[in-house]
Amino acid sequence: MSRRSGAVGVRKTLISLRDAAELAGGVHPRTVRRWVEDGLLDGFQVGPRLIKVDRDQVLALVRPLNQSGVA
Protein backbone atom coordinates (compact mmCIF):
# COMPACT_ATOMS: atom_id res chain seq x y z
CA MET A 1 0.00 0.00 0.00
CA SER A 2 1.47 3.32 -0.98
CA ARG A 3 0.99 6.71 0.59
CA ARG A 4 1.77 9.33 -2.00
CA SER A 5 1.15 12.94 -1.20
CA GLY A 6 -0.58 14.91 -3.94
CA ALA A 7 0.03 18.46 -5.00
CA VAL A 8 -0.70 21.17 -2.46
CA GLY A 9 -4.31 22.31 -2.63
CA VAL A 10 -5.55 19.26 -4.53
CA ARG A 11 -8.36 17.45 -2.70
CA LYS A 12 -8.94 13.79 -3.23
CA THR A 13 -12.32 12.17 -2.94
CA LEU A 14 -11.59 9.03 -0.97
CA ILE A 15 -14.05 6.17 -1.20
CA SER A 16 -14.28 2.76 0.45
CA LEU A 17 -13.07 -0.39 -1.26
CA ARG A 18 -16.69 -1.53 -1.53
CA ASP A 19 -17.74 1.72 -3.25
CA ALA A 20 -14.69 1.52 -5.53
CA ALA A 21 -15.64 -2.04 -6.47
CA GLU A 22 -19.13 -0.91 -7.47
CA LEU A 23 -17.73 2.04 -9.41
CA ALA A 24 -15.36 -0.30 -11.24
CA GLY A 25 -18.26 -2.21 -12.70
CA GLY A 26 -19.14 -4.56 -9.89
CA VAL A 27 -15.82 -6.25 -9.19
CA HIS A 28 -15.27 -7.75 -5.75
CA PRO A 29 -13.81 -5.45 -3.05
CA ARG A 30 -10.91 -7.93 -2.72
CA THR A 31 -10.06 -7.13 -6.35
CA VAL A 32 -9.75 -3.44 -5.43
CA ARG A 33 -7.57 -4.39 -2.44
CA ARG A 34 -5.39 -6.40 -4.85
CA TRP A 35 -5.11 -3.37 -7.14
CA VAL A 36 -3.82 -1.37 -4.16
CA GLU A 37 -1.35 -4.13 -3.22
CA ASP A 38 -0.16 -4.35 -6.85
CA GLY A 39 0.36 -0.57 -7.03
CA LEU A 40 -2.39 0.11 -9.59
CA LEU A 41 -4.21 2.34 -7.07
CA ASP A 42 -2.92 4.39 -4.15
CA GLY A 43 -4.36 3.21 -0.84
CA PHE A 44 -4.90 5.58 2.07
CA GLN A 45 -5.15 4.16 5.57
CA VAL A 46 -7.74 6.20 7.45
CA GLY A 47 -8.11 3.98 10.51
CA PRO A 48 -6.50 0.95 12.10
CA ARG A 49 -7.95 -1.33 9.38
CA LEU A 50 -9.84 1.00 7.04
CA ILE A 51 -8.35 1.64 3.60
CA LYS A 52 -9.80 4.05 1.07
CA VAL A 53 -8.86 4.88 -2.51
CA ASP A 54 -9.13 7.98 -4.68
CA ARG A 55 -12.32 7.95 -6.75
CA ASP A 56 -10.61 9.61 -9.73
CA GLN A 57 -7.91 6.92 -9.79
CA VAL A 58 -10.57 4.21 -9.91
CA LEU A 59 -12.29 5.95 -12.82
CA ALA A 60 -8.96 6.34 -14.65
CA LEU A 61 -8.11 2.68 -14.12
CA VAL A 62 -11.44 1.39 -15.42
CA ARG A 63 -11.89 2.52 -19.01
CA PRO A 64 -14.51 1.21 -21.43
CA LEU A 65 -13.39 -0.77 -24.45
CA ASN A 66 -14.17 0.57 -27.89
CA GLN A 67 -15.84 -1.63 -30.50
CA SER A 68 -12.54 -3.21 -31.55
CA GLY A 69 -11.89 -4.30 -27.95
CA VAL A 70 -9.09 -1.81 -27.29
CA ALA A 71 -9.18 0.62 -24.36
PDB file of N, CA and C in Angstrom:
ATOM      1  N   MET A   1       0.860  -1.171   0.000  1.00  0.00           N
ATOM      2  CA  MET A   1       0.000   0.000   0.000  1.00  0.00           C
ATOM      3  C   MET A   1       0.903   1.228   0.000  1.00  0.00           C
ATOM      4  N   SER A   2       0.630   2.136  -0.903  1.00  0.00           N
ATOM      5  CA  SER A   2       1.471   3.322  -0.983  1.00  0.00           C
ATOM      6  C   SER A   2       0.755   4.512  -0.359  1.00  0.00           C
ATOM      7  N   ARG A   3       1.538   5.474   0.019  1.00  0.00           N
ATOM      8  CA  ARG A   3       0.994   6.710   0.588  1.00  0.00           C
ATOM      9  C   ARG A   3       1.678   7.866  -0.100  1.00  0.00           C
ATOM     10  N   ARG A   4       1.198   8.221  -1.264  1.00  0.00           N
ATOM     11  CA  ARG A   4       1.773   9.334  -2.004  1.00  0.00           C
ATOM     12  C   ARG A   4       1.045  10.607  -1.650  1.00  0.00           C
ATOM     13  N   SER A   5       1.806  11.661  -1.466  1.00  0.00           N
ATOM     14  CA  SER A   5       1.149  12.940  -1.197  1.00  0.00           C
ATOM     15  C   SER A   5       0.927  13.641  -2.524  1.00  0.00           C
ATOM     16  N   GLY A   6      -0.247  14.200  -2.706  1.00  0.00           N
ATOM     17  CA  GLY A   6      -0.579  14.908  -3.935  1.00  0.00           C
ATOM     18  C   GLY A   6      -0.057  16.330  -3.896  1.00  0.00           C
ATOM     19  N   ALA A   7      -0.374  17.062  -4.930  1.00  0.00           N
ATOM     20  CA  ALA A   7       0.032  18.459  -4.998  1.00  0.00           C
ATOM     21  C   ALA A   7      -0.715  19.255  -3.931  1.00  0.00           C
ATOM     22  N   VAL A   8      -0.090  20.325  -3.492  1.00  0.00           N
ATOM     23  CA  VAL A   8      -0.699  21.165  -2.461  1.00  0.00           C
ATOM     24  C   VAL A   8      -1.981  21.777  -3.014  1.00  0.00           C
ATOM     25  N   GLY A   9      -3.054  21.725  -2.223  1.00  0.00           N
ATOM     26  CA  GLY A   9      -4.309  22.313  -2.631  1.00  0.00           C
ATOM     27  C   GLY A   9      -5.213  21.391  -3.428  1.00  0.00           C
ATOM     28  N   VAL A  10      -4.738  20.202  -3.780  1.00  0.00           N
ATOM     29  CA  VAL A  10      -5.554  19.259  -4.526  1.00  0.00           C
ATOM     30  C   VAL A  10      -6.257  18.340  -3.538  1.00  0.00           C
ATOM     31  N   ARG A  11      -7.587  18.304  -3.608  1.00  0.00           N
ATOM     32  CA  ARG A  11      -8.360  17.452  -2.699  1.00  0.00           C
ATOM     33  C   ARG A  11      -8.722  16.162  -3.407  1.00  0.00           C
ATOM     34  N   LYS A  12      -8.572  15.088  -2.704  1.00  0.00           N
ATOM     35  CA  LYS A  12      -8.938  13.786  -3.228  1.00  0.00           C
ATOM     36  C   LYS A  12     -10.280  13.390  -2.638  1.00  0.00           C
ATOM     37  N   THR A  13     -11.080  12.727  -3.431  1.00  0.00           N
ATOM     38  CA  THR A  13     -12.324  12.170  -2.942  1.00  0.00           C
ATOM     39  C   THR A  13     -12.056  10.703  -2.645  1.00  0.00           C
ATOM     40  N   LEU A  14     -11.899  10.396  -1.359  1.00  0.00           N
ATOM     41  CA  LEU A  14     -11.591   9.030  -0.969  1.00  0.00           C
ATOM     42  C   LEU A  14     -12.884   8.241  -0.781  1.00  0.00           C
ATOM     43  N   ILE A  15     -12.885   7.026  -1.314  1.00  0.00           N
ATOM     44  CA  ILE A  15     -14.051   6.166  -1.204  1.00  0.00           C
ATOM     45  C   ILE A  15     -13.618   4.805  -0.666  1.00  0.00           C
ATOM     46  N   SER A  16     -14.569   4.087  -0.111  1.00  0.00           N
ATOM     47  CA  SER A  16     -14.276   2.765   0.453  1.00  0.00           C
ATOM     48  C   SER A  16     -13.967   1.769  -0.667  1.00  0.00           C
ATOM     49  N   LEU A  17     -13.362   0.656  -0.288  1.00  0.00           N
ATOM     50  CA  LEU A  17     -13.069  -0.390  -1.264  1.00  0.00           C
ATOM     51  C   LEU A  17     -14.362  -0.941  -1.850  1.00  0.00           C
ATOM     52  N   ARG A  18     -15.396  -1.035  -1.035  1.00  0.00           N
ATOM     53  CA  ARG A  18     -16.690  -1.527  -1.528  1.00  0.00           C
ATOM     54  C   ARG A  18     -17.277  -0.574  -2.566  1.00  0.00           C
ATOM     55  N   ASP A  19     -17.235   0.734  -2.283  1.00  0.00           N
ATOM     56  CA  ASP A  19     -17.737   1.717  -3.249  1.00  0.00           C
ATOM     57  C   ASP A  19     -16.890   1.727  -4.519  1.00  0.00           C
ATOM     58  N   ALA A  20     -15.582   1.572  -4.367  1.00  0.00           N
ATOM     59  CA  ALA A  20     -14.693   1.521  -5.529  1.00  0.00           C
ATOM     60  C   ALA A  20     -14.998   0.299  -6.382  1.00  0.00           C
ATOM     61  N   ALA A  21     -15.309  -0.821  -5.738  1.00  0.00           N
ATOM     62  CA  ALA A  21     -15.640  -2.044  -6.467  1.00  0.00           C
ATOM     63  C   ALA A  21     -16.901  -1.853  -7.297  1.00  0.00           C
ATOM     64  N   GLU A  22     -17.904  -1.193  -6.726  1.00  0.00           N
ATOM     65  CA  GLU A  22     -19.133  -0.906  -7.466  1.00  0.00           C
ATOM     66  C   GLU A  22     -18.858   0.032  -8.630  1.00  0.00           C
ATOM     67  N   LEU A  23     -18.061   1.063  -8.382  1.00  0.00           N
ATOM     68  CA  LEU A  23     -17.726   2.044  -9.406  1.00  0.00           C
ATOM     69  C   LEU A  23     -16.941   1.406 -10.546  1.00  0.00           C
ATOM     70  N   ALA A  24     -16.180   0.386 -10.241  1.00  0.00           N
ATOM     71  CA  ALA A  24     -15.356  -0.300 -11.240  1.00  0.00           C
ATOM     72  C   ALA A  24     -16.150  -1.351 -12.015  1.00  0.00           C
ATOM     73  N   GLY A  25     -17.445  -1.301 -11.898  1.00  0.00           N
ATOM     74  CA  GLY A  25     -18.257  -2.209 -12.697  1.00  0.00           C
ATOM     75  C   GLY A  25     -18.703  -3.456 -11.971  1.00  0.00           C
ATOM     76  N   GLY A  26     -18.643  -3.429 -10.655  1.00  0.00           N
ATOM     77  CA  GLY A  26     -19.143  -4.564  -9.888  1.00  0.00           C
ATOM     78  C   GLY A  26     -18.117  -5.638  -9.592  1.00  0.00           C
ATOM     79  N   VAL A  27     -16.841  -5.275  -9.599  1.00  0.00           N
ATOM     80  CA  VAL A  27     -15.824  -6.247  -9.195  1.00  0.00           C
ATOM     81  C   VAL A  27     -15.930  -6.457  -7.683  1.00  0.00           C
ATOM     82  N   HIS A  28     -15.249  -7.471  -7.186  1.00  0.00           N
ATOM     83  CA  HIS A  28     -15.272  -7.752  -5.746  1.00  0.00           C
ATOM     84  C   HIS A  28     -14.333  -6.768  -5.029  1.00  0.00           C
ATOM     85  N   PRO A  29     -14.692  -6.354  -3.800  1.00  0.00           N
ATOM     86  CA  PRO A  29     -13.807  -5.455  -3.049  1.00  0.00           C
ATOM     87  C   PRO A  29     -12.398  -6.017  -2.866  1.00  0.00           C
ATOM     88  N   ARG A  30     -12.265  -7.344  -2.825  1.00  0.00           N
ATOM     89  CA  ARG A  30     -10.911  -7.926  -2.725  1.00  0.00           C
ATOM     90  C   ARG A  30     -10.085  -7.622  -3.968  1.00  0.00           C
ATOM     91  N   THR A  31     -10.760  -7.495  -5.116  1.00  0.00           N
ATOM     92  CA  THR A  31     -10.055  -7.127  -6.348  1.00  0.00           C
ATOM     93  C   THR A  31      -9.478  -5.726  -6.214  1.00  0.00           C
ATOM     94  N   VAL A  32     -10.243  -4.811  -5.647  1.00  0.00           N
ATOM     95  CA  VAL A  32      -9.749  -3.440  -5.435  1.00  0.00           C
ATOM     96  C   VAL A  32      -8.580  -3.464  -4.458  1.00  0.00           C
ATOM     97  N   ARG A  33      -8.678  -4.257  -3.399  1.00  0.00           N
ATOM     98  CA  ARG A  33      -7.574  -4.389  -2.443  1.00  0.00           C
ATOM     99  C   ARG A  33      -6.319  -4.910  -3.162  1.00  0.00           C
ATOM    100  N   ARG A  34      -6.504  -5.857  -4.068  1.00  0.00           N
ATOM    101  CA  ARG A  34      -5.391  -6.402  -4.848  1.00  0.00           C
ATOM    102  C   ARG A  34      -4.779  -5.320  -5.724  1.00  0.00           C
ATOM    103  N   TRP A  35      -5.631  -4.464  -6.326  1.00  0.00           N
ATOM    104  CA  TRP A  35      -5.112  -3.367  -7.142  1.00  0.00           C
ATOM    105  C   TRP A  35      -4.239  -2.438  -6.312  1.00  0.00           C
ATOM    106  N   VAL A  36      -4.629  -2.205  -5.058  1.00  0.00           N
ATOM    107  CA  VAL A  36      -3.820  -1.372  -4.156  1.00  0.00           C
ATOM    108  C   VAL A  36      -2.499  -2.082  -3.867  1.00  0.00           C
ATOM    109  N   GLU A  37      -2.570  -3.370  -3.536  1.00  0.00           N
ATOM    110  CA  GLU A  37      -1.349  -4.133  -3.222  1.00  0.00           C
ATOM    111  C   GLU A  37      -0.412  -4.208  -4.414  1.00  0.00           C
ATOM    112  N   ASP A  38      -0.975  -4.263  -5.636  1.00  0.00           N
ATOM    113  CA  ASP A  38      -0.160  -4.346  -6.849  1.00  0.00           C
ATOM    114  C   ASP A  38       0.332  -2.980  -7.331  1.00  0.00           C
ATOM    115  N   GLY A  39      -0.098  -1.903  -6.664  1.00  0.00           N
ATOM    116  CA  GLY A  39       0.359  -0.569  -7.029  1.00  0.00           C
ATOM    117  C   GLY A  39      -0.444   0.092  -8.138  1.00  0.00           C
ATOM    118  N   LEU A  40      -1.560  -0.502  -8.550  1.00  0.00           N
ATOM    119  CA  LEU A  40      -2.389   0.111  -9.587  1.00  0.00           C
ATOM    120  C   LEU A  40      -3.199   1.286  -9.044  1.00  0.00           C
ATOM    121  N   LEU A  41      -3.501   1.255  -7.752  1.00  0.00           N
ATOM    122  CA  LEU A  41      -4.209   2.338  -7.069  1.00  0.00           C
ATOM    123  C   LEU A  41      -3.440   2.705  -5.810  1.00  0.00           C
ATOM    124  N   ASP A  42      -3.480   3.971  -5.435  1.00  0.00           N
ATOM    125  CA  ASP A  42      -2.916   4.393  -4.153  1.00  0.00           C
ATOM    126  C   ASP A  42      -3.932   4.085  -3.067  1.00  0.00           C
ATOM    127  N   GLY A  43      -3.494   3.471  -1.982  1.00  0.00           N
ATOM    128  CA  GLY A  43      -4.358   3.211  -0.844  1.00  0.00           C
ATOM    129  C   GLY A  43      -4.041   4.186   0.276  1.00  0.00           C
ATOM    130  N   PHE A  44      -5.075   4.641   0.973  1.00  0.00           N
ATOM    131  CA  PHE A  44      -4.901   5.578   2.072  1.00  0.00           C
ATOM    132  C   PHE A  44      -5.503   4.960   3.325  1.00  0.00           C
ATOM    133  N   GLN A  45      -4.672   4.733   4.318  1.00  0.00           N
ATOM    134  CA  GLN A  45      -5.148   4.156   5.567  1.00  0.00           C
ATOM    135  C   GLN A  45      -5.751   5.265   6.412  1.00  0.00           C
ATOM    136  N   VAL A  46      -7.044   5.156   6.704  1.00  0.00           N
ATOM    137  CA  VAL A  46      -7.741   6.202   7.448  1.00  0.00           C
ATOM    138  C   VAL A  46      -8.190   5.722   8.824  1.00  0.00           C
ATOM    139  N   GLY A  47      -7.800   4.556   9.198  1.00  0.00           N
ATOM    140  CA  GLY A  47      -8.109   3.979  10.506  1.00  0.00           C
ATOM    141  C   GLY A  47      -7.221   2.780  10.719  1.00  0.00           C
ATOM    142  N   PRO A  48      -7.367   2.099  11.830  1.00  0.00           N
ATOM    143  CA  PRO A  48      -6.501   0.949  12.096  1.00  0.00           C
ATOM    144  C   PRO A  48      -6.588  -0.129  11.015  1.00  0.00           C
ATOM    145  N   ARG A  49      -7.781  -0.304  10.414  1.00  0.00           N
ATOM    146  CA  ARG A  49      -7.954  -1.328   9.381  1.00  0.00           C
ATOM    147  C   ARG A  49      -8.614  -0.800   8.118  1.00  0.00           C
ATOM    148  N   LEU A  50      -9.066   0.445   8.136  1.00  0.00           N
ATOM    149  CA  LEU A  50      -9.842   0.997   7.038  1.00  0.00           C
ATOM    150  C   LEU A  50      -8.931   1.597   5.973  1.00  0.00           C
ATOM    151  N   ILE A  51      -9.115   1.136   4.745  1.00  0.00           N
ATOM    152  CA  ILE A  51      -8.354   1.641   3.601  1.00  0.00           C
ATOM    153  C   ILE A  51      -9.338   2.251   2.623  1.00  0.00           C
ATOM    154  N   LYS A  52      -8.989   3.403   2.089  1.00  0.00           N
ATOM    155  CA  LYS A  52      -9.799   4.055   1.072  1.00  0.00           C
ATOM    156  C   LYS A  52      -8.924   4.350  -0.136  1.00  0.00           C
ATOM    157  N   VAL A  53      -9.577   4.574  -1.267  1.00  0.00           N
ATOM    158  CA  VAL A  53      -8.864   4.883  -2.509  1.00  0.00           C
ATOM    159  C   VAL A  53      -9.458   6.138  -3.123  1.00  0.00           C
ATOM    160  N   ASP A  54      -8.697   6.753  -4.007  1.00  0.00           N
ATOM    161  CA  ASP A  54      -9.125   7.975  -4.685  1.00  0.00           C
ATOM    162  C   ASP A  54     -10.097   7.621  -5.803  1.00  0.00           C
ATOM    163  N   ARG A  55     -11.277   8.227  -5.767  1.00  0.00           N
ATOM    164  CA  ARG A  55     -12.324   7.953  -6.751  1.00  0.00           C
ATOM    165  C   ARG A  55     -11.828   8.199  -8.176  1.00  0.00           C
ATOM    166  N   ASP A  56     -11.099   9.285  -8.388  1.00  0.00           N
ATOM    167  CA  ASP A  56     -10.613   9.614  -9.729  1.00  0.00           C
ATOM    168  C   ASP A  56      -9.635   8.564 -10.253  1.00  0.00           C
ATOM    169  N   GLN A  57      -8.826   7.976  -9.363  1.00  0.00           N
ATOM    170  CA  GLN A  57      -7.909   6.920  -9.793  1.00  0.00           C
ATOM    171  C   GLN A  57      -8.669   5.677 -10.232  1.00  0.00           C
ATOM    172  N   VAL A  58      -9.746   5.365  -9.524  1.00  0.00           N
ATOM    173  CA  VAL A  58     -10.567   4.209  -9.911  1.00  0.00           C
ATOM    174  C   VAL A  58     -11.156   4.447 -11.299  1.00  0.00           C
ATOM    175  N   LEU A  59     -11.699   5.640 -11.523  1.00  0.00           N
ATOM    176  CA  LEU A  59     -12.289   5.949 -12.820  1.00  0.00           C
ATOM    177  C   LEU A  59     -11.242   5.921 -13.937  1.00  0.00           C
ATOM    178  N   ALA A  60     -10.025   6.363 -13.646  1.00  0.00           N
ATOM    179  CA  ALA A  60      -8.958   6.345 -14.651  1.00  0.00           C
ATOM    180  C   ALA A  60      -8.496   4.921 -14.945  1.00  0.00           C
ATOM    181  N   LEU A  61      -8.559   4.057 -13.943  1.00  0.00           N
ATOM    182  CA  LEU A  61      -8.112   2.678 -14.116  1.00  0.00           C
ATOM    183  C   LEU A  61      -9.107   1.874 -14.945  1.00  0.00           C
ATOM    184  N   VAL A  62     -10.382   2.150 -14.761  1.00  0.00           N
ATOM    185  CA  VAL A  62     -11.436   1.394 -15.422  1.00  0.00           C
ATOM    186  C   VAL A  62     -11.933   2.201 -16.608  1.00  0.00           C
ATOM    187  N   ARG A  63     -11.487   1.827 -17.796  1.00  0.00           N
ATOM    188  CA  ARG A  63     -11.888   2.524 -19.011  1.00  0.00           C
ATOM    189  C   ARG A  63     -12.695   1.579 -19.887  1.00  0.00           C
ATOM    190  N   PRO A  64     -13.717   2.080 -20.545  1.00  0.00           N
ATOM    191  CA  PRO A  64     -14.509   1.215 -21.431  1.00  0.00           C
ATOM    192  C   PRO A  64     -13.711   0.831 -22.687  1.00  0.00           C
ATOM    193  N   LEU A  65     -14.012  -0.332 -23.200  1.00  0.00           N
ATOM    194  CA  LEU A  65     -13.394  -0.773 -24.447  1.00  0.00           C
ATOM    195  C   LEU A  65     -14.170  -0.190 -25.625  1.00  0.00           C
ATOM    196  N   ASN A  66     -13.448   0.134 -26.700  1.00  0.00           N
ATOM    197  CA  ASN A  66     -14.167   0.572 -27.893  1.00  0.00           C
ATOM    198  C   ASN A  66     -14.641  -0.660 -28.650  1.00  0.00           C
ATOM    199  N   GLN A  67     -15.250  -0.510 -29.783  1.00  0.00           N
ATOM    200  CA  GLN A  67     -15.844  -1.627 -30.499  1.00  0.00           C
ATOM    201  C   GLN A  67     -14.819  -2.657 -30.949  1.00  0.00           C
ATOM    202  N   SER A  68     -13.572  -2.253 -31.148  1.00  0.00           N
ATOM    203  CA  SER A  68     -12.538  -3.207 -31.551  1.00  0.00           C
ATOM    204  C   SER A  68     -11.925  -3.935 -30.358  1.00  0.00           C
ATOM    205  N   GLY A  69     -12.390  -3.616 -29.129  1.00  0.00           N
ATOM    206  CA  GLY A  69     -11.889  -4.305 -27.954  1.00  0.00           C
ATOM    207  C   GLY A  69     -10.650  -3.695 -27.343  1.00  0.00           C
ATOM    208  N   VAL A  70     -10.289  -2.489 -27.786  1.00  0.00           N
ATOM    209  CA  VAL A  70      -9.094  -1.813 -27.285  1.00  0.00           C
ATOM    210  C   VAL A  70      -9.529  -0.640 -26.420  1.00  0.00           C
ATOM    211  N   ALA A  71      -8.849  -0.485 -25.269  1.00  0.00           N
ATOM    212  CA  ALA A  71      -9.183   0.615 -24.356  1.00  0.00           C
ATOM    213  C   ALA A  71      -8.729   1.939 -24.904  1.00  0.00           C
TER     214      ALA A  71
END
